[in-house]
Amino acid sequence: MIRNWLATNVSKEAAAITRIVYGGNVTETNAANFAKLPDVDGFLVGSTSTKPIFRKIFDMVVAEAAQNMW
């Protein structure tokens, strides 16, 4: 929705280069789903980044990124 709005109201180039970051709650149970969303370029982990479970989230994101690189 955001990327489409930018393409329509600003330019296709602006839509293509704009990075969209999810700012809601990110946990080990929903991080993989956020990483798979085509128009979400990242997310804010918040206080979870200070907890041991952050490593699991990090590993999930790295694995998802590796699958989508090729």
PDB file of N, CA and C in Angstrom:
ATOM      1  N   MET A   1       0.815  -1.179   0.000  1.00  0.00           N
ATOM      2  CA  MET A   1       0.000   0.000   0.000  1.00  0.00           C
ATOM      3  C   MET A   1       0.876   1.267   0.000  1.00  0.00           C
ATOM      4  N   ILE A   2       1.881   1.319   0.831  1.00  0.00           N
ATOM      5  CA  ILE A   2       2.755   2.495   0.899  1.00  0.00           C
ATOM      6  C   ILE A   2       3.540   2.646  -0.397  1.00  0.00           C
ATOM      7  N   ARG A   3       4.104   1.546  -0.862  1.00  0.00           N
ATOM      8  CA  ARG A   3       4.904   1.613  -2.091  1.00  0.00           C
ATOM      9  C   ARG A   3       4.034   2.015  -3.284  1.00  0.00           C
ATOM     10  N   ASN A   4       2.807   1.506  -3.342  1.00  0.00           N
ATOM     11  CA  ASN A   4       1.888   1.885  -4.419  1.00  0.00           C
ATOM     12  C   ASN A   4       1.541   3.368  -4.348  1.00  0.00           C
ATOM     13  N   TRP A   5       1.312   3.864  -3.136  1.00  0.00           N
ATOM     14  CA  TRP A   5       1.000   5.284  -2.969  1.00  0.00           C
ATOM     15  C   TRP A   5       2.167   6.141  -3.459  1.00  0.00           C
ATOM     16  N   LEU A   6       3.376   5.759  -3.086  1.00  0.00           N
ATOM     17  CA  LEU A   6       4.551   6.513  -3.530  1.00  0.00           C
ATOM     18  C   LEU A   6       4.677   6.503  -5.051  1.00  0.00           C
ATOM     19  N   ALA A   7       4.452   5.352  -5.657  1.00  0.00           N
ATOM     20  CA  ALA A   7       4.558   5.254  -7.113  1.00  0.00           C
ATOM     21  C   ALA A   7       3.538   6.150  -7.800  1.00  0.00           C
ATOM     22  N   THR A   8       2.347   6.223  -7.251  1.00  0.00           N
ATOM     23  CA  THR A   8       1.277   7.023  -7.844  1.00  0.00           C
ATOM     24  C   THR A   8       1.447   8.510  -7.578  1.00  0.00           C
ATOM     25  N   ASN A   9       1.828   8.869  -6.365  1.00  0.00           N
ATOM     26  CA  ASN A   9       1.840  10.269  -5.948  1.00  0.00           C
ATOM     27  C   ASN A   9       3.207  10.949  -5.988  1.00  0.00           C
ATOM     28  N   VAL A  10       4.258  10.177  -6.049  1.00  0.00           N
ATOM     29  CA  VAL A  10       5.604  10.762  -6.104  1.00  0.00           C
ATOM     30  C   VAL A  10       6.259  10.331  -7.418  1.00  0.00           C
ATOM     31  N   SER A  11       6.753   9.099  -7.438  1.00  0.00           N
ATOM     32  CA  SER A  11       7.315   8.538  -8.672  1.00  0.00           C
ATOM     33  C   SER A  11       7.608   7.064  -8.455  1.00  0.00           C
ATOM     34  N   LYS A  12       7.714   6.327  -9.551  1.00  0.00           N
ATOM     35  CA  LYS A  12       8.063   4.917  -9.457  1.00  0.00           C
ATOM     36  C   LYS A  12       9.468   4.743  -8.898  1.00  0.00           C
ATOM     37  N   GLU A  13      10.338   5.677  -9.227  1.00  0.00           N
ATOM     38  CA  GLU A  13      11.710   5.613  -8.721  1.00  0.00           C
ATOM     39  C   GLU A  13      11.737   5.771  -7.207  1.00  0.00           C
ATOM     40  N   ALA A  14      10.964   6.735  -6.691  1.00  0.00           N
ATOM     41  CA  ALA A  14      10.898   6.938  -5.238  1.00  0.00           C
ATOM     42  C   ALA A  14      10.337   5.694  -4.552  1.00  0.00           C
ATOM     43  N   ALA A  15       9.328   5.088  -5.153  1.00  0.00           N
ATOM     44  CA  ALA A  15       8.740   3.879  -4.577  1.00  0.00           C
ATOM     45  C   ALA A  15       9.758   2.738  -4.535  1.00  0.00           C
ATOM     46  N   ALA A  16      10.561   2.641  -5.567  1.00  0.00           N
ATOM     47  CA  ALA A  16      11.531   1.547  -5.648  1.00  0.00           C
ATOM     48  C   ALA A  16      12.670   1.695  -4.642  1.00  0.00           C
ATOM     49  N   ILE A  17      13.086   2.916  -4.349  1.00  0.00           N
ATOM     50  CA  ILE A  17      14.230   3.099  -3.461  1.00  0.00           C
ATOM     51  C   ILE A  17      13.852   3.322  -2.001  1.00  0.00           C
ATOM     52  N   THR A  18      12.575   3.534  -1.720  1.00  0.00           N
ATOM     53  CA  THR A  18      12.141   3.747  -0.342  1.00  0.00           C
ATOM     54  C   THR A  18      12.155   2.434   0.421  1.00  0.00           C
ATOM     55  N   ARG A  19      12.772   2.444   1.582  1.00  0.00           N
ATOM     56  CA  ARG A  19      12.821   1.268   2.438  1.00  0.00           C
ATOM     57  C   ARG A  19      11.693   1.370   3.456  1.00  0.00           C
ATOM     58  N   ILE A  20      10.905   0.315   3.555  1.00  0.00           N
ATOM     59  CA  ILE A  20       9.768   0.277   4.470  1.00  0.00           C
ATOM     60  C   ILE A  20      10.127  -0.651   5.624  1.00  0.00           C
ATOM     61  N   VAL A  21      10.030  -0.109   6.833  1.00  0.00           N
ATOM     62  CA  VAL A  21      10.399  -0.843   8.029  1.00  0.00           C
ATOM     63  C   VAL A  21       9.161  -1.002   8.912  1.00  0.00           C
ATOM     64  N   TYR A  22       8.868  -2.227   9.286  1.00  0.00           N
ATOM     65  CA  TYR A  22       7.757  -2.505  10.192  1.00  0.00           C
ATOM     66  C   TYR A  22       8.174  -2.094  11.598  1.00  0.00           C
ATOM     67  N   GLY A  23       7.343  -1.341  12.275  1.00  0.00           N
ATOM     68  CA  GLY A  23       7.699  -0.834  13.594  1.00  0.00           C
ATOM     69  C   GLY A  23       6.891  -1.401  14.741  1.00  0.00           C
ATOM     70  N   GLY A  24       6.105  -2.434  14.489  1.00  0.00           N
ATOM     71  CA  GLY A  24       5.329  -3.034  15.560  1.00  0.00           C
ATOM     72  C   GLY A  24       6.119  -4.083  16.329  1.00  0.00           C
ATOM     73  N   ASN A  25       5.420  -4.841  17.130  1.00  0.00           N
ATOM     74  CA  ASN A  25       6.050  -5.856  17.954  1.00  0.00           C
ATOM     75  C   ASN A  25       6.620  -6.981  17.091  1.00  0.00           C
ATOM     76  N   VAL A  26       7.883  -7.326  17.298  1.00  0.00           N
ATOM     77  CA  VAL A  26       8.527  -8.421  16.582  1.00  0.00           C
ATOM     78  C   VAL A  26       8.996  -9.432  17.611  1.00  0.00           C
ATOM     79  N   THR A  27       8.589 -10.680  17.400  1.00  0.00           N
ATOM     80  CA  THR A  27       8.967 -11.768  18.304  1.00  0.00           C
ATOM     81  C   THR A  27       9.533 -12.922  17.495  1.00  0.00           C
ATOM     82  N   GLU A  28       9.979 -13.950  18.198  1.00  0.00           N
ATOM     83  CA  GLU A  28      10.500 -15.123  17.500  1.00  0.00           C
ATOM     84  C   GLU A  28       9.399 -15.858  16.744  1.00  0.00           C
ATOM     85  N   THR A  29       8.143 -15.656  17.116  1.00  0.00           N
ATOM     86  CA  THR A  29       7.055 -16.345  16.437  1.00  0.00           C
ATOM     87  C   THR A  29       6.559 -15.620  15.186  1.00  0.00           C
ATOM     88  N   ASN A  30       6.786 -14.311  15.072  1.00  0.00           N
ATOM     89  CA  ASN A  30       6.290 -13.604  13.886  1.00  0.00           C
ATOM     90  C   ASN A  30       7.401 -13.030  12.998  1.00  0.00           C
ATOM     91  N   ALA A  31       8.637 -13.102  13.423  1.00  0.00           N
ATOM     92  CA  ALA A  31       9.744 -12.524  12.652  1.00  0.00           C
ATOM     93  C   ALA A  31       9.874 -13.151  11.270  1.00  0.00           C
ATOM     94  N   ALA A  32       9.731 -14.457  11.184  1.00  0.00           N
ATOM     95  CA  ALA A  32       9.878 -15.135   9.888  1.00  0.00           C
ATOM     96  C   ALA A  32       8.804 -14.664   8.906  1.00  0.00           C
ATOM     97  N   ASN A  33       7.592 -14.456   9.407  1.00  0.00           N
ATOM     98  CA  ASN A  33       6.519 -13.976   8.523  1.00  0.00           C
ATOM     99  C   ASN A  33       6.792 -12.561   8.037  1.00  0.00           C
ATOM    100  N   PHE A  34       7.291 -11.697   8.900  1.00  0.00           N
ATOM    101  CA  PHE A  34       7.623 -10.332   8.472  1.00  0.00           C
ATOM    102  C   PHE A  34       8.747 -10.342   7.442  1.00  0.00           C
ATOM    103  N   ALA A  35       9.712 -11.220   7.621  1.00  0.00           N
ATOM    104  CA  ALA A  35      10.838 -11.296   6.688  1.00  0.00           C
ATOM    105  C   ALA A  35      10.390 -11.737   5.297  1.00  0.00           C
ATOM    106  N   LYS A  36       9.272 -12.450   5.211  1.00  0.00           N
ATOM    107  CA  LYS A  36       8.771 -12.939   3.924  1.00  0.00           C
ATOM    108  C   LYS A  36       7.896 -11.929   3.191  1.00  0.00           C
ATOM    109  N   LEU A  37       7.460 -10.881   3.864  1.00  0.00           N
ATOM    110  CA  LEU A  37       6.588  -9.897   3.217  1.00  0.00           C
ATOM    111  C   LEU A  37       7.355  -9.142   2.140  1.00  0.00           C
ATOM    112  N   PRO A  38       6.834  -9.069   0.915  1.00  0.00           N
ATOM    113  CA  PRO A  38       7.578  -8.479  -0.189  1.00  0.00           C
ATOM    114  C   PRO A  38       7.843  -6.978  -0.052  1.00  0.00           C
ATOM    115  N   ASP A  39       6.981  -6.253   0.609  1.00  0.00           N
ATOM    116  CA  ASP A  39       7.183  -4.805   0.712  1.00  0.00           C
ATOM    117  C   ASP A  39       7.659  -4.346   2.079  1.00  0.00           C
ATOM    118  N   VAL A  40       8.120  -5.276   2.902  1.00  0.00           N
ATOM    119  CA  VAL A  40       8.729  -4.909   4.183  1.00  0.00           C
ATOM    120  C   VAL A  40      10.219  -5.176   4.052  1.00  0.00           C
ATOM    121  N   ASP A  41      11.001  -4.107   4.152  1.00  0.00           N
ATOM    122  CA  ASP A  41      12.446  -4.225   3.966  1.00  0.00           C
ATOM    123  C   ASP A  41      13.193  -4.488   5.264  1.00  0.00           C
ATOM    124  N   GLY A  42      12.497  -4.402   6.371  1.00  0.00           N
ATOM    125  CA  GLY A  42      13.119  -4.643   7.666  1.00  0.00           C
ATOM    126  C   GLY A  42      12.112  -4.413   8.767  1.00  0.00           C
ATOM    127  N   PHE A  43      12.550  -4.617   9.996  1.00  0.00           N
ATOM    128  CA  PHE A  43      11.672  -4.347  11.124  1.00  0.00           C
ATOM    129  C   PHE A  43      12.496  -3.958  12.333  1.00  0.00           C
ATOM    130  N   LEU A  44      11.840  -3.265  13.253  1.00  0.00           N
ATOM    131  CA  LEU A  44      12.470  -2.832  14.485  1.00  0.00           C
ATOM    132  C   LEU A  44      12.195  -3.868  15.554  1.00  0.00           C
ATOM    133  N   VAL A  45      13.216  -4.366  16.188  1.00  0.00           N
ATOM    134  CA  VAL A  45      13.042  -5.427  17.158  1.00  0.00           C
ATOM    135  C   VAL A  45      12.769  -4.863  18.551  1.00  0.00           C
ATOM    136  N   GLY A  46      13.282  -3.720  18.888  1.00  0.00           N
ATOM    137  CA  GLY A  46      13.020  -3.097  20.180  1.00  0.00           C
ATOM    138  C   GLY A  46      13.682  -3.835  21.323  1.00  0.00           C
ATOM    139  N   SER A  47      12.965  -3.935  22.443  1.00  0.00           N
ATOM    140  CA  SER A  47      13.554  -4.507  23.657  1.00  0.00           C
ATOM    141  C   SER A  47      13.902  -5.984  23.506  1.00  0.00           C
ATOM    142  N   THR A  48      13.305  -6.665  22.552  1.00  0.00           N
ATOM    143  CA  THR A  48      13.646  -8.069  22.326  1.00  0.00           C
ATOM    144  C   THR A  48      15.112  -8.213  21.923  1.00  0.00           C
ATOM    145  N   SER A  49      15.698  -7.169  21.367  1.00  0.00           N
ATOM    146  CA  SER A  49      17.101  -7.240  20.955  1.00  0.00           C
ATOM    147  C   SER A  49      18.050  -7.357  22.139  1.00  0.00           C
ATOM    148  N   THR A  50      17.556  -7.120  23.344  1.00  0.00           N
ATOM    149  CA  THR A  50      18.394  -7.245  24.543  1.00  0.00           C
ATOM    150  C   THR A  50      18.232  -8.602  25.209  1.00  0.00           C
ATOM    151  N   LYS A  51      17.435  -9.481  24.614  1.00  0.00           N
ATOM    152  CA  LYS A  51      17.158 -10.787  25.205  1.00  0.00           C
ATOM    153  C   LYS A  51      17.801 -11.890  24.375  1.00  0.00           C
ATOM    154  N   PRO A  52      18.097 -13.025  24.994  1.00  0.00           N
ATOM    155  CA  PRO A  52      18.733 -14.134  24.267  1.00  0.00           C
ATOM    156  C   PRO A  52      17.952 -14.599  23.033  1.00  0.00           C
ATOM    157  N   ILE A  53      16.631 -14.463  23.038  1.00  0.00           N
ATOM    158  CA  ILE A  53      15.818 -14.909  21.906  1.00  0.00           C
ATOM    159  C   ILE A  53      16.126 -14.124  20.631  1.00  0.00           C
ATOM    160  N   PHE A  54      16.758 -12.971  20.772  1.00  0.00           N
ATOM    161  CA  PHE A  54      17.105 -12.166  19.601  1.00  0.00           C
ATOM    162  C   PHE A  54      17.970 -12.961  18.630  1.00  0.00           C
ATOM    163  N   ARG A  55      18.819 -13.816  19.136  1.00  0.00           N
ATOM    164  CA  ARG A  55      19.681 -14.618  18.269  1.00  0.00           C
ATOM    165  C   ARG A  55      18.838 -15.487  17.342  1.00  0.00           C
ATOM    166  N   LYS A  56      17.754 -16.057  17.860  1.00  0.00           N
ATOM    167  CA  LYS A  56      16.867 -16.886  17.037  1.00  0.00           C
ATOM    168  C   LYS A  56      16.221 -16.034  15.943  1.00  0.00           C
ATOM    169  N   ILE A  57      15.782 -14.848  16.296  1.00  0.00           N
ATOM    170  CA  ILE A  57      15.186 -13.937  15.312  1.00  0.00           C
ATOM    171  C   ILE A  57      16.212 -13.584  14.243  1.00  0.00           C
ATOM    172  N   PHE A  58      17.406 -13.251  14.671  1.00  0.00           N
ATOM    173  CA  PHE A  58      18.489 -12.904  13.749  1.00  0.00           C
ATOM    174  C   PHE A  58      18.764 -14.053  12.786  1.00  0.00           C
ATOM    175  N   ASP A  59      18.870 -15.265  13.316  1.00  0.00           N
ATOM    176  CA  ASP A  59      19.147 -16.422  12.475  1.00  0.00           C
ATOM    177  C   ASP A  59      18.025 -16.672  11.460  1.00  0.00           C
ATOM    178  N   MET A  60      16.767 -16.469  11.882  1.00  0.00           N
ATOM    179  CA  MET A  60      15.639 -16.642  10.957  1.00  0.00           C
ATOM    180  C   MET A  60      15.713 -15.639   9.816  1.00  0.00           C
ATOM    181  N   VAL A  61      16.035 -14.405  10.131  1.00  0.00           N
ATOM    182  CA  VAL A  61      16.109 -13.364   9.103  1.00  0.00           C
ATOM    183  C   VAL A  61      17.259 -13.641   8.145  1.00  0.00           C
ATOM    184  N   VAL A  62      18.384 -14.047   8.665  1.00  0.00           N
ATOM    185  CA  VAL A  62      19.531 -14.374   7.809  1.00  0.00           C
ATOM    186  C   VAL A  62      19.183 -15.535   6.880  1.00  0.00           C
ATOM    187  N   ALA A  63      18.519 -16.568   7.398  1.00  0.00           N
ATOM    188  CA  ALA A  63      18.128 -17.708   6.569  1.00  0.00           C
ATOM    189  C   ALA A  63      17.150 -17.285   5.480  1.00  0.00           C
ATOM    190  N   GLU A  64      16.196 -16.439   5.814  1.00  0.00           N
ATOM    191  CA  GLU A  64      15.215 -15.957   4.824  1.00  0.00           C
ATOM    192  C   GLU A  64      15.912 -15.129   3.744  1.00  0.00           C
ATOM    193  N   ALA A  65      16.830 -14.279   4.163  1.00  0.00           N
ATOM    194  CA  ALA A  65      17.561 -13.442   3.204  1.00  0.00           C
ATOM    195  C   ALA A  65      18.397 -14.305   2.264  1.00  0.00           C
ATOM    196  N   ALA A  66      19.019 -15.346   2.788  1.00  0.00           N
ATOM    197  CA  ALA A  66      19.840 -16.223   1.962  1.00  0.00           C
ATOM    198  C   ALA A  66      18.992 -16.941   0.922  1.00  0.00           C
ATOM    199  N   GLN A  67      17.779 -17.340   1.279  1.00  0.00           N
ATOM    200  CA  GLN A  67      16.894 -18.015   0.329  1.00  0.00           C
ATOM    201  C   GLN A  67      16.474 -17.079  -0.796  1.00  0.00           C
ATOM    202  N   ASN A  68      16.293 -15.814  -0.493  1.00  0.00           N
ATOM    203  CA  ASN A  68      15.808 -14.857  -1.484  1.00  0.00           C
ATOM    204  C   ASN A  68      16.909 -14.228  -2.316  1.00  0.00           C
ATOM    205  N   MET A  69      18.145 -14.475  -1.983  1.00  0.00           N
ATOM    206  CA  MET A  69      19.241 -13.886  -2.759  1.00  0.00           C
ATOM    207  C   MET A  69      19.420 -14.603  -4.083  1.00  0.00           C
ATOM    208  N   TRP A  70      19.095 -15.846  -4.146  1.00  0.00           N
ATOM    209  CA  TRP A  70      19.354 -16.641  -5.338  1.00  0.00           C
ATOM    210  C   TRP A  70      18.068 -16.989  -5.947  1.00  0.00           C
TER     211      TRP A  70
END
